[in-house]
Amino acid sequence: MPKGYWIARVDVHTPERYGEYLAAAKPAFERYEANFIARGGAFVELEGPARGRNVVIEFPSLQHAVDCYNSPEYQVAAKIRQEIATAEMVVVEGV
């Protein structure tokens, strides 16, 4: 079964609250077996507008990735993130 991946591009506007988001998201990430491939760090802008933070999270399957996002645990975290950041997020299936 192919793995699933969250790809998120994020501009954090209130960095002092980002830890609050991470703490709220942790239970969902643990429950759905999230494995962080990239979490912030250096990047090179090649095409189009970039955001300040880029995250890639691997899950055991596409369904795990979607279920994690839709879980009650993550939705608590999502509300915090939406207050403190602007983001684009997609879920993609691995090869």
N, C-alpha and C. Protein backbone atom coordinates (compact mmCIF):
# COMPACT_ATOMS: atom_id res chain seq x y z
N MET A 1 0.84 -1.17 0.00
CA MET A 1 0.00 0.00 0.00
C MET A 1 0.89 1.25 0.00
N PRO A 2 0.65 2.20 -0.90
CA PRO A 2 1.46 3.42 -0.95
C PRO A 2 1.25 4.27 0.30
N LYS A 3 2.29 4.96 0.68
CA LYS A 3 2.22 5.87 1.81
C LYS A 3 1.50 7.14 1.40
N GLY A 4 1.07 7.90 2.38
CA GLY A 4 0.45 9.20 2.15
C GLY A 4 1.32 10.28 2.75
N TYR A 5 1.28 11.46 2.16
CA TYR A 5 2.13 12.57 2.60
C TYR A 5 1.32 13.85 2.71
N TRP A 6 1.52 14.55 3.83
CA TRP A 6 1.06 15.93 3.92
C TRP A 6 2.19 16.78 3.36
N ILE A 7 1.84 17.73 2.52
CA ILE A 7 2.78 18.76 2.10
C ILE A 7 2.16 20.09 2.50
N ALA A 8 2.84 20.80 3.36
CA ALA A 8 2.33 22.07 3.86
C ALA A 8 3.35 23.17 3.63
N ARG A 9 2.84 24.30 3.16
CA ARG A 9 3.66 25.50 3.01
C ARG A 9 3.02 26.55 3.90
N VAL A 10 3.81 27.10 4.81
CA VAL A 10 3.24 27.89 5.90
C VAL A 10 4.03 29.18 6.14
N ASP A 11 3.31 30.27 6.35
CA ASP A 11 3.88 31.51 6.89
C ASP A 11 3.30 31.68 8.28
N VAL A 12 4.15 31.62 9.29
CA VAL A 12 3.72 31.79 10.68
C VAL A 12 3.76 33.28 11.01
N HIS A 13 2.62 33.83 11.42
CA HIS A 13 2.52 35.25 11.74
C HIS A 13 2.70 35.53 13.24
N THR A 14 2.47 34.51 14.06
CA THR A 14 2.59 34.66 15.51
C THR A 14 3.47 33.53 16.02
N PRO A 15 4.79 33.64 15.82
CA PRO A 15 5.68 32.53 16.15
C PRO A 15 5.68 32.14 17.62
N GLU A 16 5.37 33.08 18.50
CA GLU A 16 5.36 32.74 19.93
C GLU A 16 4.25 31.75 20.29
N ARG A 17 3.27 31.55 19.40
CA ARG A 17 2.19 30.58 19.65
C ARG A 17 2.38 29.29 18.87
N TYR A 18 3.44 29.18 18.07
CA TYR A 18 3.61 27.98 17.24
C TYR A 18 3.78 26.73 18.09
N GLY A 19 4.42 26.84 19.23
CA GLY A 19 4.57 25.71 20.14
C GLY A 19 3.22 25.20 20.64
N GLU A 20 2.28 26.11 20.81
CA GLU A 20 0.92 25.74 21.21
C GLU A 20 0.27 24.85 20.14
N TYR A 21 0.46 25.24 18.88
CA TYR A 21 -0.05 24.42 17.77
C TYR A 21 0.59 23.04 17.77
N LEU A 22 1.92 22.99 17.88
CA LEU A 22 2.61 21.70 17.86
C LEU A 22 2.15 20.79 19.00
N ALA A 23 1.98 21.35 20.18
CA ALA A 23 1.53 20.55 21.33
C ALA A 23 0.12 20.01 21.09
N ALA A 24 -0.74 20.82 20.51
CA ALA A 24 -2.12 20.38 20.24
C ALA A 24 -2.16 19.32 19.14
N ALA A 25 -1.25 19.42 18.16
CA ALA A 25 -1.24 18.48 17.03
C ALA A 25 -0.59 17.14 17.39
N LYS A 26 0.26 17.12 18.39
CA LYS A 26 1.04 15.92 18.72
C LYS A 26 0.19 14.66 18.90
N PRO A 27 -0.94 14.69 19.63
CA PRO A 27 -1.71 13.46 19.78
C PRO A 27 -2.20 12.88 18.46
N ALA A 28 -2.62 13.73 17.54
CA ALA A 28 -3.07 13.24 16.23
C ALA A 28 -1.89 12.66 15.45
N PHE A 29 -0.75 13.33 15.49
CA PHE A 29 0.41 12.83 14.77
C PHE A 29 0.84 11.47 15.31
N GLU A 30 0.79 11.31 16.62
CA GLU A 30 1.15 10.02 17.21
C GLU A 30 0.14 8.94 16.85
N ARG A 31 -1.13 9.27 16.95
CA ARG A 31 -2.20 8.29 16.67
C ARG A 31 -2.14 7.78 15.23
N TYR A 32 -1.83 8.67 14.28
CA TYR A 32 -1.83 8.30 12.87
C TYR A 32 -0.44 8.01 12.33
N GLU A 33 0.54 7.83 13.22
CA GLU A 33 1.88 7.37 12.87
C GLU A 33 2.61 8.31 11.92
N ALA A 34 2.53 9.60 12.20
CA ALA A 34 3.19 10.61 11.37
C ALA A 34 4.71 10.51 11.52
N ASN A 35 5.38 10.64 10.40
CA ASN A 35 6.85 10.65 10.37
C ASN A 35 7.28 11.92 9.62
N PHE A 36 7.91 12.84 10.33
CA PHE A 36 8.29 14.11 9.70
C PHE A 36 9.51 13.90 8.81
N ILE A 37 9.35 14.22 7.54
CA ILE A 37 10.43 14.12 6.54
C ILE A 37 11.16 15.46 6.44
N ALA A 38 10.40 16.54 6.41
CA ALA A 38 10.96 17.90 6.40
C ALA A 38 10.10 18.74 7.32
N ARG A 39 10.75 19.54 8.15
CA ARG A 39 10.03 20.38 9.11
C ARG A 39 10.75 21.70 9.20
N GLY A 40 10.34 22.63 8.34
CA GLY A 40 11.02 23.92 8.33
C GLY A 40 12.39 23.75 7.69
N GLY A 41 13.36 24.46 8.16
CA GLY A 41 14.72 24.34 7.65
C GLY A 41 14.94 25.13 6.38
N ALA A 42 16.16 25.02 5.89
CA ALA A 42 16.57 25.77 4.70
C ALA A 42 15.83 25.27 3.47
N PHE A 43 15.59 26.18 2.53
CA PHE A 43 14.97 25.82 1.26
C PHE A 43 15.46 26.77 0.18
N VAL A 44 15.27 26.36 -1.05
CA VAL A 44 15.64 27.18 -2.20
C VAL A 44 14.38 27.42 -3.01
N GLU A 45 14.05 28.67 -3.21
CA GLU A 45 12.87 29.04 -3.99
C GLU A 45 13.20 28.89 -5.48
N LEU A 46 12.45 28.02 -6.16
CA LEU A 46 12.72 27.78 -7.58
C LEU A 46 11.68 28.42 -8.50
N GLU A 47 10.40 28.24 -8.20
CA GLU A 47 9.34 28.83 -9.01
C GLU A 47 8.18 29.23 -8.12
N GLY A 48 7.55 30.33 -8.45
CA GLY A 48 6.40 30.78 -7.69
C GLY A 48 6.77 31.34 -6.33
N PRO A 49 5.78 31.89 -5.65
CA PRO A 49 6.05 32.48 -4.34
C PRO A 49 6.30 31.39 -3.30
N ALA A 50 7.27 31.61 -2.45
CA ALA A 50 7.59 30.66 -1.39
C ALA A 50 6.94 31.11 -0.09
N ARG A 51 6.83 30.20 0.83
CA ARG A 51 6.40 30.51 2.19
C ARG A 51 7.58 30.23 3.10
N GLY A 52 7.55 30.74 4.29
CA GLY A 52 8.68 30.67 5.20
C GLY A 52 8.96 29.30 5.79
N ARG A 53 7.96 28.42 5.79
CA ARG A 53 8.11 27.11 6.42
C ARG A 53 7.50 26.07 5.50
N ASN A 54 8.23 24.99 5.26
CA ASN A 54 7.77 23.90 4.40
C ASN A 54 7.87 22.61 5.19
N VAL A 55 6.77 21.83 5.17
CA VAL A 55 6.70 20.62 5.98
C VAL A 55 6.22 19.46 5.11
N VAL A 56 6.89 18.32 5.25
CA VAL A 56 6.46 17.09 4.60
C VAL A 56 6.35 16.03 5.69
N ILE A 57 5.15 15.44 5.80
CA ILE A 57 4.90 14.43 6.82
C ILE A 57 4.44 13.15 6.13
N GLU A 58 5.10 12.05 6.45
CA GLU A 58 4.78 10.75 5.87
C GLU A 58 3.83 9.99 6.81
N PHE A 59 2.84 9.33 6.23
CA PHE A 59 1.91 8.48 6.96
C PHE A 59 1.90 7.09 6.32
N PRO A 60 1.45 6.07 7.05
CA PRO A 60 1.45 4.72 6.49
C PRO A 60 0.61 4.57 5.22
N SER A 61 -0.40 5.43 5.04
CA SER A 61 -1.25 5.36 3.86
C SER A 61 -1.88 6.73 3.61
N LEU A 62 -2.46 6.88 2.43
CA LEU A 62 -3.19 8.11 2.10
C LEU A 62 -4.35 8.28 3.09
N GLN A 63 -5.03 7.18 3.40
CA GLN A 63 -6.16 7.27 4.32
C GLN A 63 -5.73 7.72 5.72
N HIS A 64 -4.58 7.22 6.20
CA HIS A 64 -4.05 7.69 7.49
C HIS A 64 -3.84 9.20 7.45
N ALA A 65 -3.29 9.70 6.36
CA ALA A 65 -3.00 11.13 6.24
C ALA A 65 -4.28 11.96 6.27
N VAL A 66 -5.29 11.52 5.54
CA VAL A 66 -6.56 12.23 5.51
C VAL A 66 -7.26 12.13 6.87
N ASP A 67 -7.25 10.93 7.45
CA ASP A 67 -7.90 10.74 8.75
C ASP A 67 -7.23 11.57 9.84
N CYS A 68 -5.92 11.70 9.77
CA CYS A 68 -5.21 12.53 10.75
C CYS A 68 -5.71 13.97 10.66
N TYR A 69 -5.76 14.51 9.46
CA TYR A 69 -6.22 15.89 9.28
C TYR A 69 -7.64 16.06 9.81
N ASN A 70 -8.51 15.11 9.51
CA ASN A 70 -9.92 15.22 9.88
C ASN A 70 -10.22 14.81 11.32
N SER A 71 -9.23 14.30 12.03
CA SER A 71 -9.45 13.82 13.40
C SER A 71 -9.82 14.97 14.33
N PRO A 72 -10.61 14.67 15.36
CA PRO A 72 -10.94 15.71 16.34
C PRO A 72 -9.68 16.30 16.99
N GLU A 73 -8.68 15.45 17.21
CA GLU A 73 -7.43 15.93 17.82
C GLU A 73 -6.76 16.98 16.94
N TYR A 74 -6.65 16.67 15.64
CA TYR A 74 -5.96 17.63 14.77
C TYR A 74 -6.81 18.87 14.53
N GLN A 75 -8.11 18.74 14.50
CA GLN A 75 -8.94 19.91 14.25
C GLN A 75 -8.80 20.96 15.35
N VAL A 76 -8.52 20.54 16.57
CA VAL A 76 -8.21 21.49 17.65
C VAL A 76 -6.94 22.26 17.27
N ALA A 77 -5.92 21.53 16.83
CA ALA A 77 -4.66 22.15 16.42
C ALA A 77 -4.84 23.02 15.19
N ALA A 78 -5.64 22.57 14.24
CA ALA A 78 -5.85 23.33 13.01
C ALA A 78 -6.42 24.71 13.31
N LYS A 79 -7.33 24.80 14.27
CA LYS A 79 -7.90 26.10 14.62
C LYS A 79 -6.83 27.04 15.15
N ILE A 80 -5.91 26.50 15.94
CA ILE A 80 -4.80 27.33 16.43
C ILE A 80 -3.94 27.78 15.26
N ARG A 81 -3.57 26.83 14.38
CA ARG A 81 -2.72 27.16 13.23
C ARG A 81 -3.37 28.21 12.36
N GLN A 82 -4.66 28.09 12.14
CA GLN A 82 -5.35 29.04 11.28
C GLN A 82 -5.39 30.44 11.88
N GLU A 83 -5.29 30.55 13.21
CA GLU A 83 -5.23 31.86 13.86
C GLU A 83 -3.85 32.49 13.76
N ILE A 84 -2.81 31.66 13.69
CA ILE A 84 -1.45 32.19 13.79
C ILE A 84 -0.65 32.11 12.51
N ALA A 85 -1.22 31.49 11.46
CA ALA A 85 -0.45 31.26 10.24
C ALA A 85 -1.36 31.24 9.02
N THR A 86 -0.74 31.43 7.87
CA THR A 86 -1.39 31.24 6.57
C THR A 86 -0.72 30.03 5.94
N ALA A 87 -1.53 29.11 5.41
CA ALA A 87 -0.95 27.87 4.90
C ALA A 87 -1.71 27.33 3.70
N GLU A 88 -0.99 26.56 2.91
CA GLU A 88 -1.59 25.68 1.90
C GLU A 88 -1.17 24.27 2.30
N MET A 89 -2.12 23.34 2.27
CA MET A 89 -1.81 21.96 2.63
C MET A 89 -2.49 21.05 1.62
N VAL A 90 -1.76 20.02 1.22
CA VAL A 90 -2.34 18.96 0.38
C VAL A 90 -1.90 17.62 0.93
N VAL A 91 -2.66 16.59 0.59
CA VAL A 91 -2.27 15.22 0.89
C VAL A 91 -2.05 14.54 -0.45
N VAL A 92 -0.90 13.87 -0.59
CA VAL A 92 -0.60 13.16 -1.83
C VAL A 92 -0.26 11.71 -1.52
N GLU A 93 -0.52 10.86 -2.49
CA GLU A 93 -0.18 9.45 -2.37
C GLU A 93 1.23 9.22 -2.89
N GLY A 94 1.97 8.41 -2.16
CA GLY A 94 3.34 8.08 -2.59
C GLY A 94 3.34 7.08 -3.74
N VAL A 95 4.51 6.86 -4.29
CA VAL A 95 4.64 5.91 -5.40
C VAL A 95 5.12 4.56 -4.90
